[in-house]
Amino acid sequence: MKNILTTLALTTALVLPGAAMAREITLTGTLKNYRGDGAYLAVYVTNANGGFVGTVWVGGGKSKYFDHFTHWFRATGGNTATARTGASVGAGRSFEITFNLSDAMIDAGYQLRIDASVEDMRDAPSDIVIPITSENFGTTNSGRRYIRSVSLR
């Protein structure tokens, strides 16, 4: 029941802007071949002013480490209860996340952000920031530290 409520809250947060139609988005990413444990990832959306809109997904099951996602953690005000979580992602591995996104958010200044953290290594707040634009669907974007590439479709 908790997962259903969490999913409903997330979907509502990302679909409500403009009360427009929503489309299913698939985010596919690959991590670089760094030496270290699996990466924890926080995937979230910000508006044109950089304000937090909602969390898409958090990879890594131990919530005690969520404060290492400094940008996401600060944006949520430390309220990580609505984070839909999954497993961490190992070096060189791929991940895929599917979620709904309001059509009104496309080409309206919204951004998809991913914070990354690896145990005993440097954190990477906003390892990748992808403007949610028509042009960015189907293209590959590169991360700064742990994320090799991310694409939206």
C-alpha atoms as a PDB file:
ATOM      1  CA  MET A   1       0.000   0.000   0.000  1.00  0.00           C
ATOM      2  CA  LYS A   2       2.874   2.372   0.867  1.00  0.00           C
ATOM      3  CA  ASN A   3       4.435   1.830  -2.603  1.00  0.00           C
ATOM      4  CA  ILE A   4       1.131   2.663  -4.284  1.00  0.00           C
ATOM      5  CA  LEU A   5       0.778   5.879  -2.276  1.00  0.00           C
ATOM      6  CA  THR A   6       4.388   6.842  -2.955  1.00  0.00           C
ATOM      7  CA  THR A   7       3.968   6.237  -6.684  1.00  0.00           C
ATOM      8  CA  LEU A   8       0.701   8.191  -6.715  1.00  0.00           C
ATOM      9  CA  ALA A   9       2.298  11.134  -4.882  1.00  0.00           C
ATOM     10  CA  LEU A  10       5.279  11.175  -7.242  1.00  0.00           C
ATOM     11  CA  THR A  11       3.165  10.876 -10.378  1.00  0.00           C
ATOM     12  CA  THR A  12       0.857  13.637  -9.181  1.00  0.00           C
ATOM     13  CA  ALA A  13       3.780  15.953  -8.433  1.00  0.00           C
ATOM     14  CA  LEU A  14       5.284  15.492 -11.874  1.00  0.00           C
ATOM     15  CA  VAL A  15       2.006  15.508 -13.814  1.00  0.00           C
ATOM     16  CA  LEU A  16       0.094  18.386 -12.189  1.00  0.00           C
ATOM     17  CA  PRO A  17       1.959  21.414 -13.607  1.00  0.00           C
ATOM     18  CA  GLY A  18      -0.445  22.967 -16.050  1.00  0.00           C
ATOM     19  CA  ALA A  19      -2.892  20.060 -15.543  1.00  0.00           C
ATOM     20  CA  ALA A  20      -1.862  18.909 -19.008  1.00  0.00           C
ATOM     21  CA  MET A  21      -1.568  15.481 -20.509  1.00  0.00           C
ATOM     22  CA  ALA A  22       1.288  13.304 -19.341  1.00  0.00           C
ATOM     23  CA  ARG A  23       3.601  11.094 -21.283  1.00  0.00           C
ATOM     24  CA  GLU A  24       5.641   8.100 -20.246  1.00  0.00           C
ATOM     25  CA  ILE A  25       9.356   8.889 -20.179  1.00  0.00           C
ATOM     26  CA  THR A  26      12.135   6.318 -20.043  1.00  0.00           C
ATOM     27  CA  LEU A  27      15.481   7.457 -18.695  1.00  0.00           C
ATOM     28  CA  THR A  28      18.358   5.142 -19.577  1.00  0.00           C
ATOM     29  CA  GLY A  29      21.808   5.643 -18.113  1.00  0.00           C
ATOM     30  CA  THR A  30      25.213   4.013 -17.796  1.00  0.00           C
ATOM     31  CA  LEU A  31      27.829   4.586 -15.120  1.00  0.00           C
ATOM     32  CA  LYS A  32      31.524   5.004 -15.812  1.00  0.00           C
ATOM     33  CA  ASN A  33      33.953   2.201 -14.932  1.00  0.00           C
ATOM     34  CA  TYR A  34      35.250   3.772 -11.723  1.00  0.00           C
ATOM     35  CA  ARG A  35      36.883   1.709  -8.959  1.00  0.00           C
ATOM     36  CA  GLY A  36      34.523   1.478  -6.036  1.00  0.00           C
ATOM     37  CA  ASP A  37      31.189   0.302  -4.688  1.00  0.00           C
ATOM     38  CA  GLY A  38      27.854   0.754  -6.384  1.00  0.00           C
ATOM     39  CA  ALA A  39      26.605   4.306  -6.790  1.00  0.00           C
ATOM     40  CA  TYR A  40      23.587   5.693  -5.007  1.00  0.00           C
ATOM     41  CA  LEU A  41      21.608   7.946  -7.353  1.00  0.00           C
ATOM     42  CA  ALA A  42      18.883  10.539  -6.749  1.00  0.00           C
ATOM     43  CA  VAL A  43      16.891  11.448  -9.871  1.00  0.00           C
ATOM     44  CA  TYR A  44      14.664  14.505  -9.508  1.00  0.00           C
ATOM     45  CA  VAL A  45      13.041  17.391 -11.379  1.00  0.00           C
ATOM     46  CA  THR A  46      13.494  21.135 -10.804  1.00  0.00           C
ATOM     47  CA  ASN A  47      11.534  24.022 -12.308  1.00  0.00           C
ATOM     48  CA  ALA A  48      12.780  27.007 -14.316  1.00  0.00           C
ATOM     49  CA  ASN A  49      13.805  28.775 -11.084  1.00  0.00           C
ATOM     50  CA  GLY A  50      15.724  25.744  -9.798  1.00  0.00           C
ATOM     51  CA  GLY A  51      12.986  24.903  -7.314  1.00  0.00           C
ATOM     52  CA  PHE A  52      12.335  21.284  -6.420  1.00  0.00           C
ATOM     53  CA  VAL A  53       9.333  19.731  -8.206  1.00  0.00           C
ATOM     54  CA  GLY A  54       9.577  16.056  -7.311  1.00  0.00           C
ATOM     55  CA  THR A  55      11.680  12.951  -6.924  1.00  0.00           C
ATOM     56  CA  VAL A  56      11.614  10.457  -9.762  1.00  0.00           C
ATOM     57  CA  TRP A  57      13.716   7.683  -8.213  1.00  0.00           C
ATOM     58  CA  VAL A  58      16.442   7.038  -5.658  1.00  0.00           C
ATOM     59  CA  GLY A  59      18.819   4.129  -6.212  1.00  0.00           C
ATOM     60  CA  GLY A  60      20.320   2.759  -3.027  1.00  0.00           C
ATOM     61  CA  GLY A  61      18.337   1.244  -0.217  1.00  0.00           C
ATOM     62  CA  LYS A  62      19.957   2.728   2.897  1.00  0.00           C
ATOM     63  CA  SER A  63      18.239   6.029   3.603  1.00  0.00           C
ATOM     64  CA  LYS A  64      20.893   6.968   6.176  1.00  0.00           C
ATOM     65  CA  TYR A  65      23.151   7.834   3.201  1.00  0.00           C
ATOM     66  CA  PHE A  66      20.586  10.037   1.414  1.00  0.00           C
ATOM     67  CA  ASP A  67      22.112  13.217   2.875  1.00  0.00           C
ATOM     68  CA  HIS A  68      25.103  12.589   0.569  1.00  0.00           C
ATOM     69  CA  PHE A  69      22.864  13.740  -2.299  1.00  0.00           C
ATOM     70  CA  THR A  70      23.467  17.300  -1.167  1.00  0.00           C
ATOM     71  CA  HIS A  71      21.431  19.112  -3.833  1.00  0.00           C
ATOM     72  CA  TRP A  72      18.485  16.678  -3.712  1.00  0.00           C
ATOM     73  CA  PHE A  73      18.534  16.391   0.092  1.00  0.00           C
ATOM     74  CA  ARG A  74      18.549  20.180   0.486  1.00  0.00           C
ATOM     75  CA  ALA A  75      15.814  20.561  -2.141  1.00  0.00           C
ATOM     76  CA  THR A  76      13.545  18.106  -0.308  1.00  0.00           C
ATOM     77  CA  GLY A  77      14.187  19.837   3.000  1.00  0.00           C
ATOM     78  CA  GLY A  78      15.431  16.480   4.269  1.00  0.00           C
ATOM     79  CA  ASN A  79      11.995  14.933   3.724  1.00  0.00           C
ATOM     80  CA  THR A  80      13.002  11.791   1.873  1.00  0.00           C
ATOM     81  CA  ALA A  81       9.937   9.758   2.841  1.00  0.00           C
ATOM     82  CA  THR A  82       8.421   9.918  -0.657  1.00  0.00           C
ATOM     83  CA  ALA A  83      11.535   8.620  -2.423  1.00  0.00           C
ATOM     84  CA  ARG A  84      10.752   5.601  -4.606  1.00  0.00           C
ATOM     85  CA  THR A  85      13.845   3.471  -4.129  1.00  0.00           C
ATOM     86  CA  GLY A  86      15.675   0.707  -5.893  1.00  0.00           C
ATOM     87  CA  ALA A  87      19.083  -0.936  -5.790  1.00  0.00           C
ATOM     88  CA  SER A  88      22.339   0.956  -6.147  1.00  0.00           C
ATOM     89  CA  VAL A  89      24.003   0.804  -9.564  1.00  0.00           C
ATOM     90  CA  GLY A  90      27.446  -0.779  -9.995  1.00  0.00           C
ATOM     91  CA  ALA A  91      30.364   0.718 -11.890  1.00  0.00           C
ATOM     92  CA  GLY A  92      29.994   0.246 -15.640  1.00  0.00           C
ATOM     93  CA  ARG A  93      26.378  -0.900 -15.242  1.00  0.00           C
ATOM     94  CA  SER A  94      23.248   0.499 -16.836  1.00  0.00           C
ATOM     95  CA  PHE A  95      19.965   1.560 -15.283  1.00  0.00           C
ATOM     96  CA  GLU A  96      16.521   2.331 -16.680  1.00  0.00           C
ATOM     97  CA  ILE A  97      13.690   4.257 -15.034  1.00  0.00           C
ATOM     98  CA  THR A  98      10.222   4.835 -16.463  1.00  0.00           C
ATOM     99  CA  PHE A  99       7.975   7.596 -15.120  1.00  0.00           C
ATOM    100  CA  ASN A 100       5.195   9.965 -16.189  1.00  0.00           C
ATOM    101  CA  LEU A 101       5.936  13.595 -16.985  1.00  0.00           C
ATOM    102  CA  SER A 102       3.478  16.380 -17.738  1.00  0.00           C
ATOM    103  CA  ASP A 103       3.619  17.629 -21.333  1.00  0.00           C
ATOM    104  CA  ALA A 104       3.522  21.164 -19.866  1.00  0.00           C
ATOM    105  CA  MET A 105       7.000  20.591 -18.397  1.00  0.00           C
ATOM    106  CA  ILE A 106       8.628  20.023 -21.790  1.00  0.00           C
ATOM    107  CA  ASP A 107      10.297  23.147 -23.213  1.00  0.00           C
ATOM    108  CA  ALA A 108       9.207  25.137 -20.129  1.00  0.00           C
ATOM    109  CA  GLY A 109      12.546  25.429 -18.289  1.00  0.00           C
ATOM    110  CA  TYR A 110      12.313  22.242 -16.220  1.00  0.00           C
ATOM    111  CA  GLN A 111      15.417  20.128 -15.641  1.00  0.00           C
ATOM    112  CA  LEU A 112      16.085  16.520 -14.784  1.00  0.00           C
ATOM    113  CA  ARG A 113      18.951  16.234 -12.286  1.00  0.00           C
ATOM    114  CA  ILE A 114      20.885  13.255 -10.950  1.00  0.00           C
ATOM    115  CA  ASP A 115      22.999  13.421  -7.800  1.00  0.00           C
ATOM    116  CA  ALA A 116      25.439  10.520  -7.331  1.00  0.00           C
ATOM    117  CA  SER A 117      27.341   9.206  -4.337  1.00  0.00           C
ATOM    118  CA  VAL A 118      29.785   6.309  -3.968  1.00  0.00           C
ATOM    119  CA  GLU A 119      31.000   5.041  -0.587  1.00  0.00           C
ATOM    120  CA  ASP A 120      34.521   6.232   0.300  1.00  0.00           C
ATOM    121  CA  MET A 121      34.629   8.426  -2.817  1.00  0.00           C
ATOM    122  CA  ARG A 122      33.650  12.015  -3.550  1.00  0.00           C
ATOM    123  CA  ASP A 123      29.956  12.856  -3.841  1.00  0.00           C
ATOM    124  CA  ALA A 124      28.743  14.263  -7.148  1.00  0.00           C
ATOM    125  CA  PRO A 125      25.830  16.656  -6.628  1.00  0.00           C
ATOM    126  CA  SER A 126      24.155  17.367  -9.968  1.00  0.00           C
ATOM    127  CA  ASP A 127      26.439  14.845 -11.680  1.00  0.00           C
ATOM    128  CA  ILE A 128      24.211  15.458 -14.672  1.00  0.00           C
ATOM    129  CA  VAL A 129      21.614  18.131 -15.416  1.00  0.00           C
ATOM    130  CA  ILE A 130      19.410  17.663 -18.472  1.00  0.00           C
ATOM    131  CA  PRO A 131      17.034  20.402 -19.603  1.00  0.00           C
ATOM    132  CA  ILE A 132      13.657  18.809 -20.331  1.00  0.00           C
ATOM    133  CA  THR A 133      13.346  19.958 -23.920  1.00  0.00           C
ATOM    134  CA  SER A 134      12.046  18.383 -27.113  1.00  0.00           C
ATOM    135  CA  GLU A 135      15.600  18.432 -28.468  1.00  0.00           C
ATOM    136  CA  ASN A 136      16.937  16.342 -25.574  1.00  0.00           C
ATOM    137  CA  PHE A 137      14.669  13.372 -26.210  1.00  0.00           C
ATOM    138  CA  GLY A 138      16.646  10.707 -28.049  1.00  0.00           C
ATOM    139  CA  THR A 139      20.000  12.402 -27.479  1.00  0.00           C
ATOM    140  CA  THR A 140      22.763  11.245 -25.139  1.00  0.00           C
ATOM    141  CA  ASN A 141      24.010  13.509 -22.346  1.00  0.00           C
ATOM    142  CA  SER A 142      27.273  13.006 -20.437  1.00  0.00           C
ATOM    143  CA  GLY A 143      27.742  13.203 -16.684  1.00  0.00           C
ATOM    144  CA  ARG A 144      30.586  14.863 -14.803  1.00  0.00           C
ATOM    145  CA  ARG A 145      31.894  12.225 -12.370  1.00  0.00           C
ATOM    146  CA  TYR A 146      30.235   8.782 -12.139  1.00  0.00           C
ATOM    147  CA  ILE A 147      27.614   8.932 -14.891  1.00  0.00           C
ATOM    148  CA  ARG A 148      28.900   8.117 -18.368  1.00  0.00           C
ATOM    149  CA  SER A 149      25.667   8.836 -20.221  1.00  0.00           C
ATOM    150  CA  VAL A 150      21.922   9.389 -19.874  1.00  0.00           C
ATOM    151  CA  SER A 151      19.235   9.566 -22.529  1.00  0.00           C
ATOM    152  CA  LEU A 152      15.513  10.273 -22.431  1.00  0.00           C
ATOM    153  CA  ARG A 153      12.907   8.754 -24.688  1.00  0.00           C
END
